[in-house]
Amino acid sequence: MRLLRCAALLLIACSPETARETRTCFPSAGATGAPVTVAEAVALLNVLPRPVTAACFVESLDRPLGLAATRSTTSAQPAAGSRSPRIFLFSGPLIISVVAEGAGAEVLEFSELDLATERSVKAELHVPITATLRPEDPFTGFNFGSGATSCSLCHAGEEVAYTAGTARAFSSAALRPTDESLVSLPSLQQQAEACDAAAEPERCALLDALFEHGDVRSQAFPEELPTFF
């Protein structure tokens, strides 16, 4: 990994400033690298270099960064097993999920968590992103057009939470992965270290974006949330 190479070659620990200098995707023009709403995530995506990949977005997020991962394939954004789990990144109440390969790698998913009600607003965007995003874009791709979204198939109690541009944002029950499905941070780091960029460039790019730009820490979902099935 780049940060480890920096320490080995220069015989010093990389500072946060050194880590930032290696980044090509970072907040600018007033956008925050610690978005707490879908709207702030959209603002960040809109200042990143086009086309915006999942790796670029992950790289742009502030550190330290909380992480949980699951190998579960029971999701609209399925993991590709333990080697490429579904990765949840915690940015305050905003939870962002990415997958390094497979069908799940085609989307960025977002969840605005309200722990008091154990509900969350869901959103998603297909990557790579080539055009400027509108406020409604994260809420339109999975909308059935009949007052419900595909999220309602697994998340109960769906209802309108607010309006974003021309779209309605829906809230529904928040869920967490089962303990048995979790993939540990050390295991994920090992996958990143072993990744062959020549053979799997996109997978390695996402894993590198996660670990090469500052501190990543294990973070658990709130225990009061029910598990996914």
Foldseek 3Di string as FASTA:
>chain_A
DQQVVCCVVVVHGDDLVNLVVPAQAAADPPQALQDQDVVSLLVSCQPGDPQAFLLSNLLHHDPPKAKWWFQAQPDPQHEPGLLWTWMWIDRDQKIWTATQDDPNNQKIKIWRADPVVQKTWIFMDGDRHGDRDAQCRRPPPQCPPPQDGPCCVQFPDKDFDQDGVPDTIIMTHHAAADPVGIHDPVSNVVSLVPDDCVVRVRSNSNSCSNPSRYHYHYDGDPPVGHHRD
